[in-house]
Amino acid sequence: MNKSDVDLDIPVSDYEFTSTPSTQVMIEEIFSYSITVNYVGGVEYSLVKAPSGMVINQNEITWMPSDSDIGQSTVIIRAIIDDQVILQSFTIDISAPFSLCNNLSDINTKFIRQKN
């Protein structure tokens, strides 16, 4: 079987997301994303995949990552417009404002040396 033999039934939609989310956030910083689509009527939004604690209220996503979220998280948003479904997927990079572990021993050592 070659590629031309495969028939994918992917519905075509007249609608699309017109907003682009931020893909960087630091721990203990609020992530906020206002979703927009090319439709002015009623749209039903939901999170298909999201990190723990992320919420969606109408077209606004909010989340505050903690140190256990450091790394990458995938988010998938579903919008239903006139019985058509569109999806938006993105990855958020979550980081700390400074290294949480490696620098502590160096800082303490420098402080003690400077004090003596």
N, C-alpha and C. Protein backbone atom coordinates (compact mmCIF):
# COMPACT_ATOMS: atom_id res chain seq x y z
N MET A 1 0.85 -1.17 0.00
CA MET A 1 0.00 0.00 0.00
C MET A 1 0.90 1.24 0.00
N ASN A 2 0.63 2.18 -0.87
CA ASN A 2 1.38 3.43 -0.84
C ASN A 2 0.51 4.56 -0.33
N LYS A 3 1.10 5.74 -0.18
CA LYS A 3 0.39 6.86 0.40
C LYS A 3 -0.88 7.21 -0.37
N SER A 4 -0.87 7.08 -1.67
CA SER A 4 -2.03 7.48 -2.46
C SER A 4 -3.22 6.52 -2.25
N ASP A 5 -2.96 5.32 -1.71
CA ASP A 5 -4.04 4.37 -1.45
C ASP A 5 -4.78 4.64 -0.14
N VAL A 6 -4.22 5.51 0.71
CA VAL A 6 -4.82 5.78 2.01
C VAL A 6 -5.79 6.95 1.87
N ASP A 7 -7.04 6.71 2.27
CA ASP A 7 -8.05 7.75 2.20
C ASP A 7 -8.33 8.24 3.62
N LEU A 8 -7.87 9.44 3.92
CA LEU A 8 -8.11 10.02 5.23
C LEU A 8 -9.37 10.87 5.18
N ASP A 9 -10.26 10.61 6.11
CA ASP A 9 -11.50 11.37 6.16
C ASP A 9 -11.35 12.50 7.17
N ILE A 10 -10.68 13.57 6.74
CA ILE A 10 -10.47 14.72 7.61
C ILE A 10 -11.46 15.80 7.19
N PRO A 11 -12.37 16.14 8.10
CA PRO A 11 -13.37 17.15 7.73
C PRO A 11 -12.71 18.52 7.52
N VAL A 12 -13.20 19.22 6.53
CA VAL A 12 -12.72 20.56 6.25
C VAL A 12 -13.59 21.53 7.04
N SER A 13 -12.95 22.49 7.70
CA SER A 13 -13.69 23.46 8.49
C SER A 13 -13.51 24.86 7.91
N ASP A 14 -14.54 25.65 8.03
CA ASP A 14 -14.47 27.05 7.60
C ASP A 14 -13.85 27.91 8.70
N TYR A 15 -13.62 27.32 9.85
CA TYR A 15 -13.17 28.09 11.01
C TYR A 15 -11.74 27.72 11.39
N GLU A 16 -11.07 28.69 12.04
CA GLU A 16 -9.72 28.45 12.51
C GLU A 16 -9.41 29.35 13.69
N PHE A 17 -8.42 28.95 14.46
CA PHE A 17 -7.95 29.79 15.57
C PHE A 17 -7.18 30.97 14.99
N THR A 18 -7.43 32.16 15.51
CA THR A 18 -6.72 33.35 15.06
C THR A 18 -5.77 33.88 16.12
N SER A 19 -5.75 33.26 17.28
CA SER A 19 -4.86 33.67 18.37
C SER A 19 -3.70 32.70 18.47
N THR A 20 -2.59 33.21 19.00
CA THR A 20 -1.39 32.40 19.21
C THR A 20 -0.98 32.52 20.68
N PRO A 21 -0.86 31.40 21.37
CA PRO A 21 -0.52 31.46 22.80
C PRO A 21 0.98 31.71 23.02
N SER A 22 1.29 32.20 24.19
CA SER A 22 2.68 32.26 24.63
C SER A 22 3.11 30.82 24.92
N THR A 23 4.35 30.51 24.66
CA THR A 23 4.82 29.15 24.91
C THR A 23 5.91 29.11 25.97
N GLN A 24 6.08 30.19 26.72
CA GLN A 24 7.06 30.26 27.80
C GLN A 24 6.37 30.77 29.06
N VAL A 25 6.66 30.13 30.18
CA VAL A 25 6.15 30.62 31.46
C VAL A 25 7.10 30.16 32.56
N MET A 26 7.22 30.97 33.60
CA MET A 26 8.04 30.59 34.75
C MET A 26 7.12 30.10 35.86
N ILE A 27 7.68 29.28 36.74
CA ILE A 27 6.89 28.78 37.86
C ILE A 27 6.42 29.97 38.71
N GLU A 28 5.27 29.80 39.33
CA GLU A 28 4.64 30.81 40.18
C GLU A 28 4.30 32.08 39.40
N GLU A 29 4.24 32.00 38.06
CA GLU A 29 3.83 33.11 37.21
C GLU A 29 2.53 32.69 36.53
N ILE A 30 1.56 33.58 36.46
CA ILE A 30 0.28 33.22 35.86
C ILE A 30 0.40 33.16 34.34
N PHE A 31 0.00 32.02 33.79
CA PHE A 31 -0.12 31.85 32.34
C PHE A 31 -1.56 32.20 31.98
N SER A 32 -1.72 33.08 31.01
CA SER A 32 -3.06 33.49 30.58
C SER A 32 -3.08 33.52 29.05
N TYR A 33 -4.16 33.02 28.48
CA TYR A 33 -4.29 32.98 27.03
C TYR A 33 -5.74 33.22 26.64
N SER A 34 -5.98 34.30 25.89
CA SER A 34 -7.31 34.62 25.37
C SER A 34 -7.43 34.02 23.98
N ILE A 35 -8.33 33.06 23.84
CA ILE A 35 -8.51 32.34 22.59
C ILE A 35 -9.45 33.12 21.67
N THR A 36 -9.06 33.22 20.39
CA THR A 36 -9.96 33.82 19.41
C THR A 36 -10.00 32.92 18.17
N VAL A 37 -11.15 32.93 17.53
CA VAL A 37 -11.36 32.20 16.28
C VAL A 37 -12.00 33.15 15.27
N ASN A 38 -12.04 32.76 14.03
CA ASN A 38 -12.62 33.62 12.99
C ASN A 38 -14.14 33.42 12.90
N TYR A 39 -14.80 33.61 14.03
CA TYR A 39 -16.25 33.48 14.12
C TYR A 39 -16.73 34.40 15.23
N VAL A 40 -17.81 35.11 15.01
CA VAL A 40 -18.27 36.08 16.01
C VAL A 40 -19.45 35.58 16.84
N GLY A 41 -19.98 34.42 16.54
CA GLY A 41 -21.10 33.88 17.30
C GLY A 41 -20.64 33.06 18.49
N GLY A 42 -21.51 32.21 18.97
CA GLY A 42 -21.19 31.37 20.13
C GLY A 42 -20.22 30.25 19.78
N VAL A 43 -19.21 30.11 20.62
CA VAL A 43 -18.20 29.07 20.46
C VAL A 43 -18.07 28.34 21.79
N GLU A 44 -18.03 27.03 21.74
CA GLU A 44 -17.84 26.22 22.95
C GLU A 44 -16.38 25.75 22.99
N TYR A 45 -15.65 26.21 24.01
CA TYR A 45 -14.25 25.84 24.15
C TYR A 45 -14.08 24.82 25.27
N SER A 46 -13.12 23.92 25.09
CA SER A 46 -12.78 22.98 26.16
C SER A 46 -11.32 22.57 26.01
N LEU A 47 -10.76 22.07 27.11
CA LEU A 47 -9.39 21.56 27.11
C LEU A 47 -9.44 20.06 26.88
N VAL A 48 -8.80 19.60 25.83
CA VAL A 48 -8.71 18.17 25.53
C VAL A 48 -7.55 17.57 26.32
N LYS A 49 -6.43 18.31 26.35
CA LYS A 49 -5.26 17.89 27.10
C LYS A 49 -4.63 19.14 27.71
N ALA A 50 -4.29 19.05 29.00
CA ALA A 50 -3.73 20.21 29.68
C ALA A 50 -3.04 19.76 30.96
N PRO A 51 -2.08 20.55 31.43
CA PRO A 51 -1.45 20.21 32.71
C PRO A 51 -2.44 20.39 33.86
N SER A 52 -2.16 19.71 34.94
CA SER A 52 -3.01 19.76 36.13
C SER A 52 -3.16 21.20 36.61
N GLY A 53 -4.39 21.59 36.88
CA GLY A 53 -4.66 22.92 37.41
C GLY A 53 -5.00 23.96 36.35
N MET A 54 -4.76 23.66 35.08
CA MET A 54 -5.10 24.61 34.02
C MET A 54 -6.61 24.61 33.84
N VAL A 55 -7.19 25.81 33.73
CA VAL A 55 -8.64 25.91 33.58
C VAL A 55 -8.98 26.79 32.38
N ILE A 56 -10.16 26.54 31.84
CA ILE A 56 -10.67 27.35 30.74
C ILE A 56 -12.03 27.88 31.16
N ASN A 57 -12.22 29.19 31.01
CA ASN A 57 -13.48 29.82 31.34
C ASN A 57 -13.89 30.65 30.12
N GLN A 58 -14.90 30.20 29.43
CA GLN A 58 -15.31 30.77 28.13
C GLN A 58 -14.14 30.70 27.17
N ASN A 59 -13.50 31.81 26.83
CA ASN A 59 -12.38 31.77 25.89
C ASN A 59 -11.04 32.13 26.57
N GLU A 60 -10.98 32.03 27.88
CA GLU A 60 -9.78 32.42 28.62
C GLU A 60 -9.20 31.23 29.38
N ILE A 61 -7.92 30.94 29.09
CA ILE A 61 -7.21 29.89 29.80
C ILE A 61 -6.31 30.55 30.83
N THR A 62 -6.32 30.01 32.06
CA THR A 62 -5.41 30.48 33.10
C THR A 62 -4.79 29.29 33.80
N TRP A 63 -3.58 29.52 34.30
CA TRP A 63 -2.84 28.44 34.98
C TRP A 63 -1.64 29.04 35.70
N MET A 64 -1.32 28.51 36.87
CA MET A 64 -0.10 28.91 37.56
C MET A 64 0.73 27.67 37.82
N PRO A 65 1.80 27.46 37.03
CA PRO A 65 2.63 26.27 37.22
C PRO A 65 3.47 26.36 38.50
N SER A 66 3.75 25.20 39.06
CA SER A 66 4.60 25.11 40.24
C SER A 66 5.91 24.41 39.85
N ASP A 67 6.79 24.24 40.82
CA ASP A 67 8.09 23.63 40.51
C ASP A 67 7.95 22.19 40.02
N SER A 68 6.85 21.53 40.33
CA SER A 68 6.66 20.16 39.83
C SER A 68 6.28 20.15 38.34
N ASP A 69 5.98 21.31 37.78
CA ASP A 69 5.61 21.41 36.36
C ASP A 69 6.78 21.76 35.45
N ILE A 70 7.97 21.97 36.02
CA ILE A 70 9.12 22.38 35.20
C ILE A 70 9.35 21.36 34.09
N GLY A 71 9.56 21.89 32.89
CA GLY A 71 9.74 21.05 31.70
C GLY A 71 8.79 21.52 30.62
N GLN A 72 8.21 20.58 29.91
CA GLN A 72 7.27 20.92 28.84
C GLN A 72 5.91 20.28 29.09
N SER A 73 4.86 21.02 28.75
CA SER A 73 3.50 20.51 28.85
C SER A 73 2.77 20.79 27.54
N THR A 74 2.04 19.79 27.08
CA THR A 74 1.25 19.93 25.86
C THR A 74 -0.17 20.35 26.23
N VAL A 75 -0.70 21.28 25.44
CA VAL A 75 -2.06 21.76 25.62
C VAL A 75 -2.80 21.56 24.30
N ILE A 76 -4.00 20.99 24.37
CA ILE A 76 -4.85 20.86 23.19
C ILE A 76 -6.21 21.47 23.54
N ILE A 77 -6.63 22.43 22.73
CA ILE A 77 -7.90 23.12 22.92
C ILE A 77 -8.85 22.70 21.81
N ARG A 78 -10.11 22.46 22.20
CA ARG A 78 -11.16 22.13 21.22
C ARG A 78 -12.15 23.29 21.18
N ALA A 79 -12.49 23.71 19.99
CA ALA A 79 -13.54 24.71 19.79
C ALA A 79 -14.62 24.08 18.93
N ILE A 80 -15.87 24.22 19.36
CA ILE A 80 -17.00 23.72 18.58
C ILE A 80 -17.78 24.92 18.08
N ILE A 81 -17.89 25.00 16.74
CA ILE A 81 -18.56 26.11 16.09
C ILE A 81 -19.51 25.51 15.05
N ASP A 82 -20.80 25.79 15.20
CA ASP A 82 -21.78 25.27 14.22
C ASP A 82 -21.60 23.77 13.97
N ASP A 83 -21.44 22.99 15.00
CA ASP A 83 -21.24 21.54 14.92
C ASP A 83 -19.94 21.13 14.24
N GLN A 84 -19.04 22.07 14.01
CA GLN A 84 -17.72 21.75 13.50
C GLN A 84 -16.72 21.84 14.65
N VAL A 85 -15.75 20.93 14.64
CA VAL A 85 -14.73 20.90 15.69
C VAL A 85 -13.40 21.30 15.09
N ILE A 86 -12.72 22.24 15.76
CA ILE A 86 -11.36 22.59 15.39
C ILE A 86 -10.49 22.44 16.64
N LEU A 87 -9.23 22.12 16.43
CA LEU A 87 -8.30 21.91 17.53
C LEU A 87 -7.09 22.82 17.38
N GLN A 88 -6.56 23.24 18.52
CA GLN A 88 -5.29 23.96 18.55
C GLN A 88 -4.40 23.25 19.55
N SER A 89 -3.18 22.97 19.15
CA SER A 89 -2.23 22.27 20.01
C SER A 89 -0.95 23.08 20.12
N PHE A 90 -0.39 23.16 21.32
CA PHE A 90 0.88 23.85 21.52
C PHE A 90 1.58 23.28 22.75
N THR A 91 2.87 23.55 22.85
CA THR A 91 3.67 23.09 23.98
C THR A 91 4.18 24.31 24.74
N ILE A 92 4.03 24.26 26.06
CA ILE A 92 4.51 25.32 26.94
C ILE A 92 5.80 24.85 27.61
N ASP A 93 6.83 25.70 27.57
CA ASP A 93 8.07 25.45 28.30
C ASP A 93 7.97 26.14 29.65
N ILE A 94 8.05 25.35 30.73
CA ILE A 94 7.95 25.87 32.09
C ILE A 94 9.34 25.84 32.71
N SER A 95 9.79 26.99 33.21
CA SER A 95 11.12 27.06 33.80
C SER A 95 11.09 27.79 35.13
N ALA A 96 12.20 27.68 35.86
CA ALA A 96 12.37 28.38 37.12
C ALA A 96 13.20 29.64 36.86
N PRO A 97 13.01 30.68 37.67
CA PRO A 97 13.78 31.91 37.45
C PRO A 97 15.27 31.73 37.72
N PHE A 98 15.65 30.68 38.43
CA PHE A 98 17.05 30.36 38.70
C PHE A 98 17.13 28.87 38.99
N SER A 99 18.31 28.32 38.98
CA SER A 99 18.47 26.89 39.26
C SER A 99 18.09 26.63 40.71
N LEU A 100 17.22 25.67 40.93
CA LEU A 100 16.72 25.42 42.28
C LEU A 100 17.67 24.63 43.17
N CYS A 101 18.53 23.80 42.59
CA CYS A 101 19.33 22.91 43.41
C CYS A 101 20.83 23.14 43.31
N ASN A 102 21.33 23.25 42.12
CA ASN A 102 22.76 23.22 41.91
C ASN A 102 23.51 24.40 42.52
N ASN A 103 22.91 25.56 42.60
CA ASN A 103 23.63 26.73 43.05
C ASN A 103 23.67 26.90 44.57
N LEU A 104 22.84 26.20 45.31
CA LEU A 104 22.78 26.41 46.76
C LEU A 104 24.10 26.10 47.46
N SER A 105 24.74 25.01 47.13
CA SER A 105 26.00 24.67 47.79
C SER A 105 27.09 25.67 47.41
N ASP A 106 27.12 26.15 46.19
CA ASP A 106 28.10 27.15 45.78
C ASP A 106 27.88 28.47 46.50
N ILE A 107 26.64 28.89 46.64
CA ILE A 107 26.33 30.14 47.33
C ILE A 107 26.76 30.06 48.79
N ASN A 108 26.42 28.96 49.47
CA ASN A 108 26.80 28.81 50.87
C ASN A 108 28.31 28.78 51.04
N THR A 109 29.01 28.10 50.16
CA THR A 109 30.46 28.01 50.24
C THR A 109 31.08 29.38 50.05
N LYS A 110 30.65 30.15 49.08
CA LYS A 110 31.19 31.50 48.84
C LYS A 110 30.90 32.41 50.02
N PHE A 111 29.72 32.32 50.60
CA PHE A 111 29.35 33.16 51.72
C PHE A 111 30.26 32.87 52.91
N ILE A 112 30.49 31.61 53.22
CA ILE A 112 31.32 31.24 54.36
C ILE A 112 32.77 31.69 54.12
N ARG A 113 33.25 31.52 52.92
CA ARG A 113 34.63 31.96 52.61
C ARG A 113 34.77 33.46 52.73
N GLN A 114 33.79 34.20 52.27
CA GLN A 114 33.88 35.65 52.35
C GLN A 114 33.80 36.15 53.78
N LYS A 115 33.08 35.43 54.61
CA LYS A 115 32.91 35.84 56.01
C LYS A 115 34.20 35.63 56.79
N ASN A 116 34.97 34.61 56.49
CA ASN A 116 36.19 34.34 57.24
C ASN A 116 37.23 35.27 56.89
